[in-house]
Amino acid sequence: MTLDDEIKMKLSQLSEPPELVDNWENIAHKLSNSFDWKGTKIDWSKTLKHKSNQLFGSYSNWLSTIRKFIVDNDISTKIRESGDIYYINDSSLNFAVHLKFNQFDSFLALAIENIPQHHYFFDSSNKWCLVISSEGYIDFGLSLKKSV
């Protein structure tokens, strides 16, 4: 069983499964054009309201820190107001995930514990991006660019 198959099976078992997006290249392209990059990472110095935190311990320990970061920095308001949220990662999966606010937390837990590499969550207008890196950092920032 491939990682794609395993994650698709886990997603189908969620109480409210998110939508899978097989043709995700355009979604990734729009995100890429909405932020400035330094190498393969968003250049957070070129975003508004950048927040960052280091994550310690195992992936399963990260979840409580990530949830606290989201609440403490009022990121949950941005997520709630977005309506449509997208998720992509750094190539572990061959699909993107389309979420609503009520699906975000359960998907976040599944992603952190089961999908390796970097996690990118962003709104459909690419106004904000939340990144959880495999090196143990969480970052959030608002794009300085107009919607693409």
Protein backbone atom coordinates (compact mmCIF):
# COMPACT_ATOMS: atom_id res chain seq x y z
CA MET A 1 0.00 0.00 0.00
CA THR A 2 1.38 3.43 -0.94
CA LEU A 3 1.35 6.44 1.37
CA ASP A 4 -1.32 7.99 -0.90
CA ASP A 5 -3.54 4.93 -0.45
CA GLU A 6 -2.95 4.82 3.30
CA ILE A 7 -3.80 8.51 3.78
CA LYS A 8 -6.86 8.29 1.52
CA MET A 9 -8.12 5.39 3.63
CA LYS A 10 -7.53 7.33 6.88
CA LEU A 11 -9.27 10.40 5.42
CA SER A 12 -12.31 8.34 4.45
CA GLN A 13 -12.60 7.23 8.08
CA LEU A 14 -12.90 10.78 9.43
CA SER A 15 -16.39 11.74 10.59
CA GLU A 16 -16.44 14.51 7.97
CA PRO A 17 -13.97 13.53 5.25
CA PRO A 18 -12.43 16.43 3.32
CA GLU A 19 -12.40 16.62 -0.47
CA LEU A 20 -9.35 15.28 -2.29
CA VAL A 21 -7.98 17.33 -5.17
CA ASP A 22 -6.10 15.18 -7.68
CA ASN A 23 -5.20 18.07 -10.01
CA TRP A 24 -3.45 20.13 -7.37
CA GLU A 25 -0.63 21.66 -9.40
CA ASN A 26 -2.57 24.88 -10.08
CA ILE A 27 -3.34 25.23 -6.37
CA ALA A 28 0.36 24.89 -5.53
CA HIS A 29 1.31 27.28 -8.33
CA LYS A 30 -1.04 29.98 -6.97
CA LEU A 31 0.39 29.56 -3.48
CA SER A 32 3.90 29.80 -4.85
CA ASN A 33 3.05 33.04 -6.69
CA SER A 34 1.37 34.56 -3.63
CA PHE A 35 4.45 34.54 -1.41
CA ASP A 36 8.12 35.38 -1.81
CA TRP A 37 10.39 32.40 -1.38
CA LYS A 38 13.92 31.93 -0.12
CA GLY A 39 15.00 28.67 -1.73
CA THR A 40 12.27 26.13 -1.06
CA LYS A 41 10.70 27.96 1.91
CA ILE A 42 8.49 31.01 2.24
CA ASP A 43 10.54 34.11 3.06
CA TRP A 44 8.69 35.01 6.24
CA SER A 45 10.49 38.37 6.45
CA LYS A 46 8.41 39.35 3.41
CA THR A 47 5.03 38.63 5.01
CA LEU A 48 2.73 40.56 7.31
CA LYS A 49 2.03 39.53 10.91
CA HIS A 50 4.54 36.68 10.84
CA LYS A 51 4.35 34.42 13.86
CA SER A 52 6.67 31.50 14.53
CA ASN A 53 7.31 28.85 17.15
CA GLN A 54 9.59 25.87 17.54
CA LEU A 55 8.12 22.41 18.05
CA PHE A 56 9.78 19.88 20.35
CA GLY A 57 9.47 16.14 20.88
CA SER A 58 7.77 13.66 18.58
CA TYR A 59 5.15 14.50 15.97
CA SER A 60 2.37 13.39 18.32
CA ASN A 61 3.66 15.88 20.92
CA TRP A 62 3.53 18.69 18.37
CA LEU A 63 -0.24 18.73 18.08
CA SER A 64 -0.99 20.46 21.39
CA THR A 65 1.70 23.10 20.71
CA ILE A 66 0.32 23.71 17.21
CA ARG A 67 -3.25 24.04 18.50
CA LYS A 68 -2.11 26.49 21.20
CA PHE A 69 -0.13 28.50 18.61
CA ILE A 70 -3.22 28.73 16.38
CA VAL A 71 -5.44 29.95 19.24
CA ASP A 72 -2.88 32.25 20.92
CA ASN A 73 -2.11 34.05 17.65
CA ASP A 74 -5.75 34.35 16.58
CA ILE A 75 -5.05 32.23 13.50
CA SER A 76 -8.22 30.27 14.19
CA THR A 77 -10.19 33.40 13.25
CA LYS A 78 -8.43 33.60 9.87
CA ILE A 79 -9.08 29.89 9.29
CA ARG A 80 -12.75 30.19 10.29
CA GLU A 81 -13.31 33.25 8.08
CA SER A 82 -11.67 31.64 5.05
CA GLY A 83 -14.41 29.22 4.13
CA ASP A 84 -12.18 27.15 1.87
CA ILE A 85 -8.83 25.91 3.14
CA TYR A 86 -6.30 23.94 1.15
CA TYR A 87 -3.54 21.62 2.22
CA ILE A 88 -0.51 20.51 0.25
CA ASN A 89 2.83 19.11 1.34
CA ASP A 90 6.33 18.79 -0.03
CA SER A 91 5.61 15.85 -2.35
CA SER A 92 4.76 12.98 -0.02
CA LEU A 93 1.25 12.93 -1.47
CA ASN A 94 0.06 13.20 -5.05
CA PHE A 95 -3.06 15.15 -4.13
CA ALA A 96 -4.14 18.25 -2.23
CA VAL A 97 -6.90 18.40 0.36
CA HIS A 98 -9.79 20.88 0.35
CA LEU A 99 -11.15 21.56 3.85
CA LYS A 100 -13.78 23.57 5.63
CA PHE A 101 -13.18 25.03 9.10
CA ASN A 102 -15.08 22.24 10.85
CA GLN A 103 -12.76 19.66 9.20
CA PHE A 104 -9.52 21.48 9.96
CA ASP A 105 -8.69 20.15 13.43
CA SER A 106 -9.28 16.46 12.70
CA PHE A 107 -7.33 16.73 9.44
CA LEU A 108 -4.51 18.61 11.18
CA ALA A 109 -4.12 15.76 13.68
CA LEU A 110 -4.14 13.16 10.92
CA ALA A 111 -1.58 15.08 8.84
CA ILE A 112 0.85 15.73 11.68
CA GLU A 113 0.86 12.14 12.84
CA ASN A 114 0.81 10.39 9.44
CA ILE A 115 2.21 12.54 6.63
CA PRO A 116 5.94 13.29 6.52
CA GLN A 117 7.56 16.48 5.21
CA HIS A 118 6.31 20.07 5.32
CA HIS A 119 2.62 20.91 5.70
CA TYR A 120 1.12 23.97 4.00
CA PHE A 121 -2.36 25.17 4.96
CA PHE A 122 -3.72 28.24 3.17
CA ASP A 123 -6.94 29.93 2.15
CA SER A 124 -8.37 29.82 -1.36
CA SER A 125 -7.31 33.43 -1.96
CA ASN A 126 -3.75 32.72 -0.79
CA LYS A 127 -3.93 35.61 1.68
CA TRP A 128 -2.42 33.56 4.52
CA CYS A 129 -0.32 30.47 4.94
CA LEU A 130 0.35 28.24 7.94
CA VAL A 131 3.40 26.00 7.56
CA ILE A 132 4.46 23.19 9.82
CA SER A 133 7.92 22.06 8.83
CA SER A 134 9.38 18.63 9.36
CA GLU A 135 12.35 20.30 11.07
CA GLY A 136 10.06 21.35 13.92
CA TYR A 137 8.85 24.87 13.22
CA ILE A 138 5.42 26.39 12.78
CA ASP A 139 5.06 29.65 10.87
CA PHE A 140 2.13 31.83 9.88
CA GLY A 141 2.07 34.93 7.74
CA LEU A 142 -0.08 37.06 5.49
CA SER A 143 0.86 37.59 1.87
CA LEU A 144 2.01 41.03 0.75
CA LYS A 145 0.89 40.24 -2.79
CA LYS A 146 -2.56 40.67 -4.25
CA SER A 147 -4.55 37.50 -4.89
CA VAL A 148 -3.37 35.61 -7.95
